[in-house]
């Protein structure tokens, strides 16, 4: 009869692996990227709304449009609602997390295959253009209620925050056409 003296492997080493390697997995990196983008936009609009004397107005309007199909003509008169702001914030964080996850996965592909890097960069430029222009084309009353310069600045700030984090995480990434 023999006795084993080694302890069986535990899942702790698997859970600690990203920290030990010093590198987050793409989905972890994507979640952090998305949360950074969502928080940047939320803080920007909280500041804009606070300056106008209507804190949480923007997430309330967006939540009202999304969940209650609010009347476009009455968006300027929407009363601030914590319920609508909270519901929209959940959707906002989920959407940004999905975008961050997608970006992180694409960067992981670009690290393995530098020849696709330029195509991915072009995809990001087209995506940013679509995100910036589509509300102006398809949600005019909403853009008028929130003002397009505030939307543009929010988009640029989120892009900068997310790109800065991803650049920090992928310093050796090279794009070749």
Protein backbone atom coordinates (compact mmCIF):
# COMPACT_ATOMS: atom_id res chain seq x y z
CA UNK A 1 0.00 0.00 0.00
CA UNK A 2 1.35 3.42 -0.99
CA UNK A 3 0.43 6.78 0.37
CA UNK A 4 0.35 9.97 -1.67
CA UNK A 5 1.91 12.91 0.09
CA UNK A 6 1.12 15.56 -2.50
CA UNK A 7 -2.09 17.50 -2.17
CA UNK A 8 -4.41 17.33 -5.16
CA UNK A 9 -4.35 20.40 -7.41
CA UNK A 10 -6.88 23.05 -6.51
CA UNK A 11 -8.70 25.58 -8.58
CA UNK A 12 -6.88 28.39 -6.78
CA UNK A 13 -3.97 28.17 -9.20
CA UNK A 14 -6.39 28.48 -12.11
CA UNK A 15 -8.13 31.47 -10.56
CA UNK A 16 -4.82 33.16 -9.80
CA UNK A 17 -3.30 32.46 -13.20
CA UNK A 18 -4.01 35.86 -14.83
CA UNK A 19 -2.49 37.73 -11.90
CA UNK A 20 0.52 35.43 -11.81
CA UNK A 21 1.11 35.85 -15.52
CA UNK A 22 0.69 39.61 -15.16
CA UNK A 23 -1.80 39.53 -18.00
CA UNK A 24 -5.58 39.58 -17.80
CA UNK A 25 -7.58 37.25 -19.97
CA UNK A 26 -9.30 39.01 -22.91
CA UNK A 27 -12.76 38.81 -21.30
CA UNK A 28 -11.43 40.24 -18.02
CA UNK A 29 -9.62 42.97 -19.89
CA UNK A 30 -12.77 43.62 -21.93
CA UNK A 31 -14.92 43.94 -18.83
CA UNK A 32 -12.52 46.45 -17.30
CA UNK A 33 -12.31 48.34 -20.60
CA UNK A 34 -16.10 48.50 -20.87
CA UNK A 35 -16.56 49.64 -17.29
CA UNK A 36 -13.97 52.38 -17.83
CA UNK A 37 -15.83 53.60 -20.92
CA UNK A 38 -19.23 53.46 -19.25
CA UNK A 39 -17.96 55.24 -16.13
CA UNK A 40 -16.32 57.95 -18.25
CA UNK A 41 -19.56 58.67 -20.11
CA UNK A 42 -21.62 58.53 -16.91
CA UNK A 43 -19.30 60.94 -15.10
CA UNK A 44 -19.26 63.30 -18.08
CA UNK A 45 -23.05 63.48 -18.28
CA UNK A 46 -23.38 63.71 -14.49
CA UNK A 47 -21.12 66.77 -14.65
CA UNK A 48 -23.02 68.27 -17.61
CA UNK A 49 -26.36 67.63 -15.91
CA UNK A 50 -25.14 69.01 -12.56
CA UNK A 51 -23.92 72.21 -14.23
CA UNK A 52 -27.38 72.61 -15.81
CA UNK A 53 -28.98 72.01 -12.40
CA UNK A 54 -30.58 68.69 -13.39
CA UNK A 55 -28.43 65.82 -12.05
CA UNK A 56 -29.27 62.43 -13.59
CA UNK A 57 -31.33 64.05 -16.35
CA UNK A 58 -29.44 62.30 -19.17
CA UNK A 59 -29.79 58.71 -17.89
CA UNK A 60 -33.43 59.47 -17.01
CA UNK A 61 -34.18 60.66 -20.56
CA UNK A 62 -32.33 57.71 -22.11
CA UNK A 63 -34.07 55.26 -19.76
CA UNK A 64 -37.45 56.82 -20.52
CA UNK A 65 -36.88 56.55 -24.27
CA UNK A 66 -35.59 52.99 -23.97
CA UNK A 67 -38.07 51.51 -21.49
CA UNK A 68 -41.16 53.69 -21.76
CA UNK A 69 -40.87 54.83 -25.36
CA UNK A 70 -41.14 58.44 -24.19
CA UNK A 71 -42.75 61.10 -26.34
CA UNK A 72 -40.00 62.82 -28.31
CA UNK A 73 -41.66 66.21 -27.98
CA UNK A 74 -41.77 65.96 -24.17
CA UNK A 75 -38.15 64.98 -23.55
CA UNK A 76 -37.27 68.45 -22.27
CA UNK A 77 -39.90 68.15 -19.55
CA UNK A 78 -39.05 64.65 -18.27
CA UNK A 79 -38.77 64.63 -14.48
CA UNK A 80 -35.64 63.01 -13.07
CA UNK A 81 -36.36 59.42 -12.06
CA UNK A 82 -33.92 57.29 -10.08
CA UNK A 83 -35.65 54.17 -11.43
CA UNK A 84 -35.13 55.16 -15.08
CA UNK A 85 -31.57 56.33 -14.39
CA UNK A 86 -30.70 53.04 -12.65
CA UNK A 87 -32.31 50.89 -15.35
CA UNK A 88 -30.51 52.77 -18.10
CA UNK A 89 -27.22 52.60 -16.20
CA UNK A 90 -27.44 48.79 -16.09
CA UNK A 91 -28.02 48.64 -19.86
CA UNK A 92 -25.26 51.21 -20.41
CA UNK A 93 -22.68 49.19 -18.45
CA UNK A 94 -23.72 45.95 -20.18
CA UNK A 95 -23.40 47.50 -23.64
CA UNK A 96 -20.02 49.03 -22.87
CA UNK A 97 -18.84 45.73 -21.39
CA UNK A 98 -19.80 43.96 -24.61
CA UNK A 99 -17.97 46.60 -26.67
CA UNK A 100 -14.92 46.35 -24.41
CA UNK A 101 -14.98 42.57 -24.67
CA UNK A 102 -15.15 42.76 -28.46
CA UNK A 103 -12.27 45.25 -28.60
CA UNK A 104 -10.14 43.14 -26.28
CA UNK A 105 -10.76 40.00 -28.32
CA UNK A 106 -9.86 41.82 -31.55
CA UNK A 107 -6.63 43.10 -30.02
CA UNK A 108 -5.75 39.57 -28.92
CA UNK A 109 -6.22 38.48 -32.54
CA UNK A 110 -4.11 41.40 -33.78
CA UNK A 111 -1.30 40.40 -31.43
CA UNK A 112 -1.25 36.90 -32.91
CA UNK A 113 -1.76 38.07 -36.51
CA UNK A 114 -0.32 41.58 -37.05
CA UNK A 115 -1.41 41.56 -40.69
CA UNK A 116 -5.07 41.96 -39.63
CA UNK A 117 -4.27 44.89 -37.33
CA UNK A 118 -4.94 47.57 -39.92
CA UNK A 119 -8.33 46.05 -40.74
CA UNK A 120 -9.21 46.03 -37.06
CA UNK A 121 -8.10 49.66 -36.73
CA UNK A 122 -10.27 50.57 -39.71
CA UNK A 123 -13.19 48.70 -38.12
CA UNK A 124 -12.80 50.79 -34.95
CA UNK A 125 -12.78 54.03 -36.96
CA UNK A 126 -15.97 53.01 -38.79
CA UNK A 127 -17.58 51.94 -35.51
CA UNK A 128 -16.74 55.29 -33.88
CA UNK A 129 -18.16 57.16 -36.86
CA UNK A 130 -21.36 55.09 -36.70
CA UNK A 131 -21.74 55.61 -32.95
CA UNK A 132 -21.26 59.35 -33.37
CA UNK A 133 -23.44 59.90 -36.43
CA UNK A 134 -26.28 57.38 -35.98
CA UNK A 135 -27.98 59.24 -33.10
CA UNK A 136 -27.98 62.42 -35.16
CA UNK A 137 -29.58 60.59 -38.09
CA UNK A 138 -32.02 58.34 -36.26
CA UNK A 139 -32.78 59.99 -32.92
CA UNK A 140 -33.01 63.70 -33.65
CA UNK A 141 -35.34 64.65 -30.77
CA UNK A 142 -33.14 62.77 -28.32
CA UNK A 143 -30.01 64.47 -29.65
CA UNK A 144 -31.71 67.87 -29.35
CA UNK A 145 -32.65 67.10 -25.74
CA UNK A 146 -29.10 66.03 -24.82
CA UNK A 147 -27.22 68.27 -27.31
CA UNK A 148 -24.92 66.76 -29.90
CA UNK A 149 -21.72 68.46 -28.64
CA UNK A 150 -22.20 66.78 -25.23
CA UNK A 151 -22.76 63.43 -26.97
CA UNK A 152 -19.67 63.93 -29.13
CA UNK A 153 -17.48 64.83 -26.14
CA UNK A 154 -18.82 61.83 -24.20
CA UNK A 155 -17.98 59.53 -27.11
CA UNK A 156 -14.49 60.98 -27.48
CA UNK A 157 -13.80 60.75 -23.73
CA UNK A 158 -14.97 57.13 -23.59
CA UNK A 159 -12.89 56.26 -26.64
CA UNK A 160 -9.82 57.90 -25.10
CA UNK A 161 -10.31 56.12 -21.77
CA UNK A 162 -10.84 52.72 -23.36
CA UNK A 163 -8.05 53.12 -25.92
CA UNK A 164 -5.67 54.38 -23.23
CA UNK A 165 -6.33 51.36 -21.06
CA UNK A 166 -5.98 48.94 -23.97
CA UNK A 167 -2.80 50.69 -25.15
CA UNK A 168 -1.41 50.30 -21.63
CA UNK A 169 -2.34 46.60 -21.63
CA UNK A 170 -0.87 45.98 -25.12
CA UNK A 171 2.29 48.11 -25.32
CA UNK A 172 3.96 45.79 -27.84
CA UNK A 173 1.02 45.74 -30.26
CA UNK A 174 2.07 46.63 -33.78
CA UNK A 175 -0.23 47.17 -36.72
CA UNK A 176 1.01 46.27 -40.18
CA UNK A 177 -1.06 46.87 -43.30
